[in-house]
Amino acid sequence: MNLLLIGVLLAIIAVAYQIGLSKSRNLAGKGNNSAMLHSRPGYYGALVALWCGIPAFLILIVWNLVEPSILEQVVINNVPAHIAASLDPASTSVLVDRVQAIASGFGVSDTPAAYEVAAAEQLAKIETIGSYAKLAVVICAALFGLLWAKKRVSQQFRARNQVEKIINISLALCSGVAILTTVGIVMSMFSEAMRFFSFVSPLDFFFGTVWNPGFSTSGSADGSYGLLPLLWGTLMVSGIALLVAVPIGLMIAIYLAEYASPKFRAWAKPTIEVLAGIPTIVYGVFAMMIIGPFLKTAGAIIGLDINATSALTAGLVMGIMIIPFVSSLSDDIITQVPRALRDGSLGLGATKSETIRRVVMPAALPGVIGAFLLAASRAIGETMIVVLAAGNSPLLHANPLEAVSTVTITIVNQLTGDTDFASPQALVAFALGLTLFVITLGLNIVALYIVRKYREQYD
């Protein structure tokens, strides 16, 4: 029903646009002289369409939000009082789902009770009435908006101002949704992290050197929850990845921007960017089956004991994965450096390499640092590669040839399986996620400081 109603609304909105456009052209007179109108005819059509669609869609959204609660109350009201009084929230949800399944015609696996069948019949009637009522109300709102907006169309009506105001409000709402989503994510992690810290001391968590969580059914925080081994493993793997990706990616960007011919650049850059589109699970399997055994064999030849799953394996493959992020963004920034800076340096007698080192790269430094920051954030938050290639050894050591455990691996482990999400064993995942968020925020603050410092020098 909702899809049908949306389709009908879109058709009415299209008609409303044409009505507004036609009336504005009639007001413009012969020859379609839009100079007689305050706004161009398209703005009048858009205004009529907006006033037709916005109220109708708002009513539809509010109706769909309120409708489930009303239907649930209908089910409860049609259940015998002594049964409804004995239901807890979970049992009430199960009962409502059963009645809705019976009312929809799909039925349930067992024999429904008589009161469930009666409640389903009543629910089906209410749903039918509600569907027709929703259709009528929404369409009437759309038609009323169409007629009201059409009546306001005149030569002096400021349609453009109204349309642009609505567009500005829509853009502001979209920005607000993004900001509120971020705030909601942070607040949800923060609240759950605070529940975890009611079981485990923050000092023990942030400065503990042992990670050995105990799984118990009593809800107590058995074991040790030290963050340092996980944080060190994350930084070790990310550091190796950046050591691989930053030099290679930056050299690729410099070559493509300054030395490569347009023909070579036209196919080389998209080819490199294909690496960014490969799923990370593929990189993880590649690291586990190819790179890990290769490093183990190569290490045995030169006398080094390299684990197939280690920080080195995960870091190398992760570095390959984030090369496109560094190269593509750095290339875009380097090519945006004004040509006048290059010409001035070359005119003073500097060589091409000197121009790149002393003029182009310092001017592009803020953007290049942004590329490095994106690569670092991507490396810190990576999951599948480290799950398959880094091992799962939450020990505090500095040997990249051995297995490590990262924050993301631990989040996966703590939230996988039959886990009570109210226990500290599961709540610790939110504390770990909040820690990753703070680390990324810190990287952004440092990068912003550096960007502002150098931007003042080269503006």
Protein backbone atom coordinates (compact mmCIF):
# COMPACT_ATOMS: atom_id res chain seq x y z
CA MET A 1 0.00 0.00 0.00
CA ASN A 2 2.81 2.43 0.86
CA LEU A 3 4.53 1.88 -2.48
CA LEU A 4 1.26 2.39 -4.34
CA LEU A 5 0.55 5.54 -2.37
CA ILE A 6 4.05 6.93 -3.05
CA GLY A 7 3.58 6.24 -6.74
CA VAL A 8 0.24 8.07 -6.76
CA LEU A 9 1.80 11.00 -4.89
CA LEU A 10 4.65 11.27 -7.38
CA ALA A 11 2.15 11.29 -10.23
CA ILE A 12 0.12 14.05 -8.54
CA ILE A 13 3.30 16.06 -7.91
CA ALA A 14 4.24 15.79 -11.59
CA VAL A 15 0.78 17.03 -12.56
CA ALA A 16 1.05 19.85 -10.02
CA TYR A 17 4.33 20.99 -11.56
CA GLN A 18 2.78 21.12 -15.00
CA ILE A 19 -0.25 23.03 -13.66
CA GLY A 20 1.95 25.65 -11.98
CA LEU A 21 4.14 25.93 -15.07
CA SER A 22 1.12 26.30 -17.37
CA LYS A 23 -0.54 28.97 -15.22
CA SER A 24 2.67 31.01 -14.95
CA ARG A 25 3.08 30.92 -18.73
CA ASN A 26 -0.50 32.06 -19.15
CA LEU A 27 0.23 34.97 -16.83
CA ALA A 28 3.30 35.82 -18.90
CA GLY A 29 1.04 36.38 -21.89
CA LYS A 30 1.71 35.81 -25.54
CA GLY A 31 5.24 34.98 -26.47
CA ASN A 32 5.85 33.59 -23.02
CA ASN A 33 7.34 36.89 -21.86
CA SER A 34 8.75 35.86 -18.49
CA ALA A 35 9.86 39.46 -17.86
CA MET A 36 6.29 40.15 -16.71
CA LEU A 37 6.73 37.62 -13.90
CA HIS A 38 8.74 38.02 -10.72
CA SER A 39 10.25 34.54 -11.20
CA ARG A 40 10.83 32.24 -14.11
CA PRO A 41 7.95 29.85 -14.93
CA GLY A 42 9.87 26.85 -13.67
CA TYR A 43 9.92 28.27 -10.15
CA TYR A 44 6.12 28.54 -10.12
CA GLY A 45 5.80 24.94 -11.23
CA ALA A 46 8.31 23.82 -8.60
CA LEU A 47 6.51 25.78 -5.88
CA VAL A 48 3.14 24.20 -6.68
CA ALA A 49 4.77 20.76 -6.76
CA LEU A 50 6.48 21.33 -3.41
CA TRP A 51 3.32 22.55 -1.69
CA CYS A 52 1.52 19.55 -3.13
CA GLY A 53 4.10 16.97 -2.07
CA ILE A 54 5.61 18.14 1.21
CA PRO A 55 2.44 18.14 3.38
CA ALA A 56 1.32 14.82 1.90
CA PHE A 57 4.66 13.12 2.53
CA LEU A 58 4.85 14.52 6.07
CA ILE A 59 1.40 13.09 6.82
CA LEU A 60 2.46 9.75 5.32
CA ILE A 61 5.64 9.62 7.43
CA VAL A 62 3.84 10.52 10.67
CA TRP A 63 1.08 8.04 9.91
CA ASN A 64 3.56 5.20 9.34
CA LEU A 65 5.37 6.06 12.57
CA VAL A 66 2.20 6.09 14.67
CA GLU A 67 0.39 3.20 13.00
CA PRO A 68 2.39 0.29 14.56
CA SER A 69 1.68 1.51 18.09
CA ILE A 70 -2.03 1.84 17.35
CA LEU A 71 -2.22 -1.64 15.82
CA GLU A 72 -0.37 -3.09 18.81
CA GLN A 73 -2.87 -1.47 21.14
CA VAL A 74 -5.72 -2.89 19.03
CA VAL A 75 -4.31 -6.39 19.51
CA ILE A 76 -3.91 -5.94 23.26
CA ASN A 77 -7.45 -4.56 23.60
CA ASN A 78 -8.86 -7.64 21.86
CA VAL A 79 -7.04 -10.08 24.13
CA PRO A 80 -8.82 -11.24 27.31
CA ALA A 81 -7.97 -9.00 30.24
CA HIS A 82 -6.54 -11.77 32.44
CA ILE A 83 -4.18 -12.85 29.64
CA ALA A 84 -3.08 -9.29 28.79
CA ALA A 85 -2.37 -8.60 32.48
CA SER A 86 -0.04 -11.58 32.73
CA LEU A 87 2.14 -10.60 29.74
CA ASP A 88 5.53 -8.97 30.13
CA PRO A 89 6.94 -6.74 27.35
CA ALA A 90 8.70 -9.64 25.60
CA SER A 91 5.59 -11.84 25.70
CA THR A 92 3.46 -8.96 24.46
CA SER A 93 5.77 -8.51 21.46
CA VAL A 94 5.55 -12.24 20.67
CA LEU A 95 1.75 -12.18 20.92
CA VAL A 96 1.48 -9.14 18.63
CA ASP A 97 3.73 -10.81 16.05
CA ARG A 98 1.60 -13.98 16.15
CA VAL A 99 -1.65 -12.06 15.72
CA GLN A 100 -0.19 -10.02 12.86
CA ALA A 101 0.99 -13.21 11.15
CA ILE A 102 -2.49 -14.73 11.47
CA ALA A 103 -4.12 -11.54 10.20
CA SER A 104 -1.80 -11.39 7.19
CA GLY A 105 -2.79 -14.93 6.18
CA PHE A 106 0.63 -16.50 6.66
CA GLY A 107 -0.42 -18.16 9.91
CA VAL A 108 1.76 -19.60 12.68
CA SER A 109 3.53 -22.93 13.10
CA ASP A 110 1.25 -24.20 15.88
CA THR A 111 -2.51 -24.08 16.42
CA PRO A 112 -3.54 -20.52 17.39
CA ALA A 113 -5.76 -19.92 20.38
CA ALA A 114 -9.33 -18.75 19.89
CA TYR A 115 -8.61 -15.30 21.31
CA GLU A 116 -5.65 -14.94 18.90
CA VAL A 117 -7.90 -15.71 15.93
CA ALA A 118 -10.50 -13.21 17.14
CA ALA A 119 -7.85 -10.54 17.68
CA ALA A 120 -6.46 -11.24 14.20
CA GLU A 121 -9.88 -10.77 12.60
CA GLN A 122 -10.34 -7.46 14.36
CA LEU A 123 -6.80 -6.41 13.44
CA ALA A 124 -7.39 -7.23 9.77
CA LYS A 125 -10.50 -5.02 9.76
CA ILE A 126 -8.66 -2.12 11.40
CA GLU A 127 -5.73 -2.48 8.98
CA THR A 128 -8.07 -2.40 5.99
CA ILE A 129 -9.88 0.67 7.28
CA GLY A 130 -6.57 2.32 8.12
CA SER A 131 -5.13 1.67 4.66
CA TYR A 132 -8.08 3.29 2.90
CA ALA A 133 -8.10 6.15 5.40
CA LYS A 134 -4.40 6.77 4.87
CA LEU A 135 -4.87 6.75 1.12
CA ALA A 136 -7.74 9.21 1.31
CA VAL A 137 -6.10 11.58 3.81
CA VAL A 138 -2.76 11.72 2.01
CA ILE A 139 -4.27 12.25 -1.43
CA CYS A 140 -6.66 14.91 -0.09
CA ALA A 141 -3.70 16.70 1.52
CA ALA A 142 -1.82 16.60 -1.79
CA LEU A 143 -4.81 17.95 -3.74
CA PHE A 144 -5.49 20.65 -1.17
CA GLY A 145 -1.85 21.74 -1.35
CA LEU A 146 -2.04 21.80 -5.15
CA LEU A 147 -5.15 23.98 -5.19
CA TRP A 148 -3.87 26.32 -2.50
CA ALA A 149 -0.51 26.84 -4.20
CA LYS A 150 -2.10 27.27 -7.63
CA LYS A 151 -4.35 29.99 -6.22
CA ARG A 152 -1.32 31.90 -4.95
CA VAL A 153 0.41 31.97 -8.34
CA SER A 154 0.44 35.53 -9.67
CA GLN A 155 2.75 37.81 -11.59
CA GLN A 156 4.16 39.44 -8.45
CA PHE A 157 4.36 36.30 -6.32
CA ARG A 158 7.97 35.62 -5.26
CA ALA A 159 8.06 31.97 -6.26
CA ARG A 160 11.84 31.85 -6.60
CA ASN A 161 12.34 33.14 -3.05
CA GLN A 162 9.94 30.52 -1.69
CA VAL A 163 11.53 27.65 -3.63
CA GLU A 164 15.05 28.65 -2.62
CA LYS A 165 13.96 28.99 1.00
CA ILE A 166 12.51 25.46 0.94
CA ILE A 167 15.70 24.17 -0.67
CA ASN A 168 17.84 25.87 2.00
CA ILE A 169 15.70 24.36 4.75
CA SER A 170 15.99 20.93 3.11
CA LEU A 171 19.77 21.21 2.89
CA ALA A 172 19.95 22.32 6.52
CA LEU A 173 17.81 19.35 7.55
CA CYS A 174 20.07 16.97 5.63
CA SER A 175 23.09 18.46 7.40
CA GLY A 176 21.27 18.12 10.70
CA VAL A 177 20.52 14.46 10.01
CA ALA A 178 24.21 13.79 9.42
CA ILE A 179 25.22 15.64 12.59
CA LEU A 180 22.51 14.04 14.71
CA THR A 181 23.46 10.61 13.40
CA THR A 182 27.04 11.17 14.48
CA VAL A 183 25.92 12.46 17.86
CA GLY A 184 23.57 9.49 18.26
CA ILE A 185 26.34 7.01 17.48
CA VAL A 186 28.70 8.66 19.95
CA MET A 187 26.08 8.89 22.68
CA SER A 188 25.04 5.27 22.25
CA MET A 189 28.64 4.13 22.50
CA PHE A 190 29.26 6.45 25.45
CA SER A 191 26.25 5.24 27.41
CA GLU A 192 27.12 1.58 26.90
CA ALA A 193 30.78 2.28 27.69
CA MET A 194 29.74 3.89 30.98
CA ARG A 195 27.80 0.71 31.82
CA PHE A 196 30.97 -1.26 31.18
CA PHE A 197 32.99 1.03 33.43
CA SER A 198 30.53 0.28 36.24
CA PHE A 199 31.99 -3.26 36.15
CA VAL A 200 35.62 -2.46 35.33
CA SER A 201 37.67 0.49 36.53
CA PRO A 202 38.71 2.89 33.73
CA LEU A 203 42.26 2.81 35.06
CA ASP A 204 42.38 -0.97 34.76
CA PHE A 205 40.95 -0.75 31.24
CA PHE A 206 43.08 2.04 29.77
CA PHE A 207 46.36 1.14 31.51
CA GLY A 208 46.02 -2.61 31.90
CA THR A 209 48.62 -4.75 30.14
CA VAL A 210 46.72 -8.05 30.15
CA TRP A 211 43.71 -8.89 27.99
CA ASN A 212 42.02 -12.05 29.20
CA PRO A 213 38.26 -11.49 29.57
CA GLY A 214 36.41 -14.19 31.43
CA PHE A 215 33.00 -15.37 30.25
CA SER A 216 30.61 -16.03 33.09
CA THR A 217 26.87 -16.33 33.48
CA SER A 218 26.79 -14.30 36.69
CA GLY A 219 27.22 -10.94 34.93
CA SER A 220 30.47 -10.19 36.78
CA ALA A 221 33.62 -8.86 35.14
CA ASP A 222 35.78 -11.96 35.47
CA GLY A 223 39.27 -11.82 33.98
CA SER A 224 41.40 -8.90 32.82
CA TYR A 225 40.39 -6.11 30.43
CA GLY A 226 43.63 -4.29 29.69
CA LEU A 227 43.49 -2.14 26.54
CA LEU A 228 47.21 -1.65 25.94
CA PRO A 229 47.89 -4.98 24.15
CA LEU A 230 45.01 -4.33 21.73
CA LEU A 231 45.92 -0.68 21.20
CA TRP A 232 49.56 -1.55 20.59
CA GLY A 233 48.58 -4.25 18.10
CA THR A 234 46.33 -1.76 16.27
CA LEU A 235 49.07 0.86 16.10
CA MET A 236 51.66 -1.70 15.00
CA VAL A 237 49.57 -3.02 12.12
CA SER A 238 48.48 0.49 11.10
CA GLY A 239 52.06 1.76 11.27
CA ILE A 240 53.29 -1.00 8.97
CA ALA A 241 50.43 -0.28 6.58
CA LEU A 242 51.28 3.42 6.48
CA LEU A 243 54.98 2.67 5.95
CA VAL A 244 53.92 0.74 2.87
CA ALA A 245 51.13 2.96 1.56
CA VAL A 246 52.41 6.49 2.20
CA PRO A 247 55.75 6.37 0.29
CA ILE A 248 54.39 4.26 -2.58
CA GLY A 249 51.14 6.20 -2.83
CA LEU A 250 52.89 9.56 -2.70
CA MET A 251 55.47 8.57 -5.33
CA ILE A 252 52.66 7.30 -7.58
CA ALA A 253 50.82 10.61 -7.14
CA ILE A 254 53.92 12.68 -7.94
CA TYR A 255 54.69 10.62 -11.03
CA LEU A 256 51.13 10.76 -12.37
CA ALA A 257 50.78 14.48 -11.68
CA GLU A 258 54.19 15.71 -12.80
CA TYR A 259 55.92 13.19 -15.06
CA ALA A 260 53.38 10.86 -16.70
CA SER A 261 52.00 11.60 -20.15
CA PRO A 262 48.26 12.30 -20.39
CA LYS A 263 47.75 9.02 -22.27
CA PHE A 264 49.50 6.96 -19.59
CA ARG A 265 47.75 8.83 -16.77
CA ALA A 266 44.35 8.27 -18.38
CA TRP A 267 44.53 4.50 -17.84
CA ALA A 268 47.05 4.21 -14.99
CA LYS A 269 45.06 6.17 -12.39
CA PRO A 270 41.78 4.24 -12.84
CA THR A 271 43.74 0.98 -12.79
CA ILE A 272 45.30 1.87 -9.43
CA GLU A 273 41.95 2.98 -8.04
CA VAL A 274 40.51 -0.46 -8.80
CA LEU A 275 42.38 -1.62 -5.68
CA ALA A 276 40.07 0.53 -3.56
CA GLY A 277 37.02 -1.28 -4.89
CA ILE A 278 38.17 -4.77 -3.98
CA PRO A 279 36.27 -6.08 -0.91
CA THR A 280 38.42 -6.25 2.20
CA ILE A 281 37.50 -9.89 2.73
CA VAL A 282 39.33 -10.63 -0.53
CA TYR A 283 42.42 -8.87 0.81
CA GLY A 284 42.09 -10.89 3.99
CA VAL A 285 41.96 -14.19 2.14
CA PHE A 286 44.87 -13.05 -0.06
CA ALA A 287 46.91 -12.23 3.05
CA MET A 288 46.04 -15.51 4.77
CA MET A 289 46.62 -17.82 1.79
CA ILE A 290 49.38 -16.07 -0.20
CA ILE A 291 51.27 -13.37 1.69
CA GLY A 292 51.39 -15.16 5.07
CA PRO A 293 52.81 -18.47 3.76
CA PHE A 294 55.18 -16.54 1.47
CA LEU A 295 56.59 -14.50 4.36
CA LYS A 296 56.91 -17.62 6.50
CA THR A 297 58.84 -19.41 3.74
CA ALA A 298 61.00 -16.37 2.99
CA GLY A 299 61.76 -15.95 6.68
CA ALA A 300 62.80 -19.58 7.00
CA ILE A 301 65.25 -19.13 4.12
CA ILE A 302 67.02 -16.21 5.82
CA GLY A 303 66.70 -17.66 9.31
CA LEU A 304 63.77 -15.64 10.66
CA ASP A 305 60.78 -17.17 12.40
CA ILE A 306 57.80 -15.33 10.81
CA ASN A 307 54.31 -16.45 11.65
CA ALA A 308 51.93 -16.81 8.72
CA THR A 309 49.44 -14.71 10.69
CA SER A 310 51.32 -11.73 12.07
CA ALA A 311 51.34 -7.97 12.28
CA LEU A 312 53.69 -7.88 9.29
CA THR A 313 51.33 -9.91 7.10
CA ALA A 314 48.30 -7.82 7.99
CA GLY A 315 50.21 -4.55 7.70
CA LEU A 316 51.65 -5.30 4.27
CA VAL A 317 48.31 -6.28 2.76
CA MET A 318 46.51 -3.37 4.45
CA GLY A 319 49.16 -1.04 3.05
CA ILE A 320 48.47 -2.36 -0.45
CA MET A 321 44.76 -1.79 0.12
CA ILE A 322 45.11 1.87 1.13
CA ILE A 323 47.61 2.84 -1.57
CA PRO A 324 44.77 4.13 -3.80
CA PHE A 325 43.49 6.38 -1.01
CA VAL A 326 46.87 8.04 -0.67
CA SER A 327 47.76 8.18 -4.38
CA SER A 328 44.41 9.33 -5.71
CA LEU A 329 43.83 12.08 -3.13
CA SER A 330 47.44 13.25 -3.24
CA ASP A 331 47.34 13.34 -7.05
CA ASP A 332 44.19 15.49 -6.98
CA ILE A 333 45.78 17.90 -4.52
CA ILE A 334 49.09 18.14 -6.41
CA THR A 335 47.38 18.85 -9.73
CA GLN A 336 45.45 21.71 -8.08
CA VAL A 337 48.64 23.60 -7.22
CA PRO A 338 48.63 26.72 -9.44
CA ARG A 339 50.68 26.39 -12.59
CA ALA A 340 52.14 29.83 -11.92
CA LEU A 341 54.13 28.45 -8.96
CA ARG A 342 55.73 25.81 -11.15
CA ASP A 343 56.48 28.28 -13.96
CA GLY A 344 57.98 30.77 -11.53
CA SER A 345 60.29 28.16 -10.04
CA LEU A 346 61.37 26.84 -13.42
CA GLY A 347 61.87 30.41 -14.65
CA LEU A 348 64.30 31.04 -11.78
CA GLY A 349 66.42 28.12 -12.94
CA ALA A 350 65.21 25.35 -10.66
CA THR A 351 65.06 21.84 -12.06
CA LYS A 352 61.80 19.91 -12.26
CA SER A 353 62.67 17.77 -9.23
CA GLU A 354 63.67 20.85 -7.21
CA THR A 355 60.39 22.51 -8.16
CA ILE A 356 58.47 19.49 -6.95
CA ARG A 357 60.38 19.24 -3.67
CA ARG A 358 60.57 22.92 -2.76
CA VAL A 359 57.49 24.46 -4.35
CA VAL A 360 54.79 21.98 -5.34
CA MET A 361 54.92 19.65 -2.34
CA PRO A 362 55.04 22.40 0.32
CA ALA A 363 52.07 24.10 -1.37
CA ALA A 364 50.16 20.81 -1.53
CA LEU A 365 51.16 19.73 1.98
CA PRO A 366 47.81 20.45 3.71
CA GLY A 367 45.90 18.31 1.25
CA VAL A 368 48.52 15.58 1.27
CA ILE A 369 48.33 15.43 5.06
CA GLY A 370 44.57 15.02 4.69
CA ALA A 371 45.21 12.03 2.41
CA PHE A 372 47.57 10.53 4.99
CA LEU A 373 44.95 11.08 7.68
CA LEU A 374 42.31 9.29 5.62
CA ALA A 375 44.71 6.41 5.09
CA ALA A 376 45.51 6.25 8.82
CA SER A 377 41.82 6.27 9.76
CA ARG A 378 41.14 3.55 7.19
CA ALA A 379 43.97 1.43 8.57
CA ILE A 380 42.95 1.86 12.21
CA GLY A 381 39.35 0.90 11.55
CA GLU A 382 40.03 -2.06 9.23
CA THR A 383 38.52 -5.35 10.40
CA MET A 384 38.49 -8.23 7.92
CA ILE A 385 42.17 -8.13 6.99
CA VAL A 386 43.34 -8.17 10.59
CA VAL A 387 40.77 -10.81 11.56
CA LEU A 388 42.17 -13.21 8.95
CA ALA A 389 45.83 -12.18 8.77
CA ALA A 390 46.94 -10.70 12.11
CA GLY A 391 46.07 -13.67 14.31
CA ASN A 392 44.42 -13.29 17.66
CA SER A 393 47.16 -12.99 20.22
CA PRO A 394 46.42 -10.13 22.66
CA LEU A 395 49.95 -10.00 24.05
CA LEU A 396 52.03 -6.88 24.59
CA HIS A 397 55.16 -7.34 22.49
CA ALA A 398 57.12 -5.34 19.90
CA ASN A 399 57.84 -8.13 17.41
CA PRO A 400 55.92 -7.54 14.15
CA LEU A 401 56.76 -11.08 13.04
CA GLU A 402 54.41 -12.57 15.62
CA ALA A 403 50.63 -12.64 15.86
CA VAL A 404 48.85 -9.70 17.47
CA SER A 405 45.30 -8.71 18.28
CA THR A 406 43.75 -5.37 17.42
CA VAL A 407 40.83 -3.40 18.75
CA THR A 408 38.63 -4.30 15.79
CA ILE A 409 39.39 -8.04 16.13
CA THR A 410 38.37 -7.91 19.76
CA ILE A 411 35.13 -6.05 19.01
CA VAL A 412 34.20 -8.83 16.58
CA ASN A 413 35.11 -11.52 19.11
CA GLN A 414 33.21 -9.92 21.97
CA LEU A 415 30.01 -9.43 19.96
CA THR A 416 30.03 -12.81 18.21
CA GLY A 417 28.19 -15.80 19.51
CA ASP A 418 25.55 -16.31 22.16
CA THR A 419 26.46 -13.37 24.37
CA ASP A 420 24.44 -11.50 26.95
CA PHE A 421 24.64 -7.91 25.74
CA ALA A 422 24.15 -6.63 29.29
CA SER A 423 27.30 -8.39 30.51
CA PRO A 424 30.71 -6.69 30.71
CA GLN A 425 32.05 -9.25 28.24
CA ALA A 426 29.86 -7.67 25.55
CA LEU A 427 29.77 -4.08 26.83
CA VAL A 428 33.55 -3.86 26.50
CA ALA A 429 33.06 -3.73 22.72
CA PHE A 430 31.41 -0.30 23.10
CA ALA A 431 34.31 0.95 25.21
CA LEU A 432 36.70 -0.24 22.52
CA GLY A 433 34.62 1.44 19.80
CA LEU A 434 34.59 4.69 21.75
CA THR A 435 38.36 4.48 22.07
CA LEU A 436 38.74 4.12 18.30
CA PHE A 437 36.49 7.15 17.84
CA VAL A 438 38.62 9.26 20.18
CA ILE A 439 41.80 8.19 18.39
CA THR A 440 40.36 9.16 15.01
CA LEU A 441 39.15 12.47 16.43
CA GLY A 442 42.65 13.14 17.76
CA LEU A 443 44.13 12.48 14.31
CA ASN A 444 41.69 14.96 12.80
CA ILE A 445 42.59 17.64 15.36
CA VAL A 446 46.32 17.23 14.75
CA ALA A 447 45.84 17.28 10.99
CA LEU A 448 43.65 20.39 11.20
CA TYR A 449 46.34 22.18 13.18
CA ILE A 450 49.02 21.31 10.62
CA VAL A 451 46.80 22.27 7.70
CA ARG A 452 46.02 25.69 9.18
CA LYS A 453 49.66 26.34 9.96
CA TYR A 454 50.90 25.70 6.45
CA ARG A 455 47.87 27.18 4.70
CA GLU A 456 48.69 30.58 6.20
CA GLN A 457 52.17 30.33 4.69
CA TYR A 458 51.10 29.50 1.12
CA ASP A 459 47.84 31.46 0.68
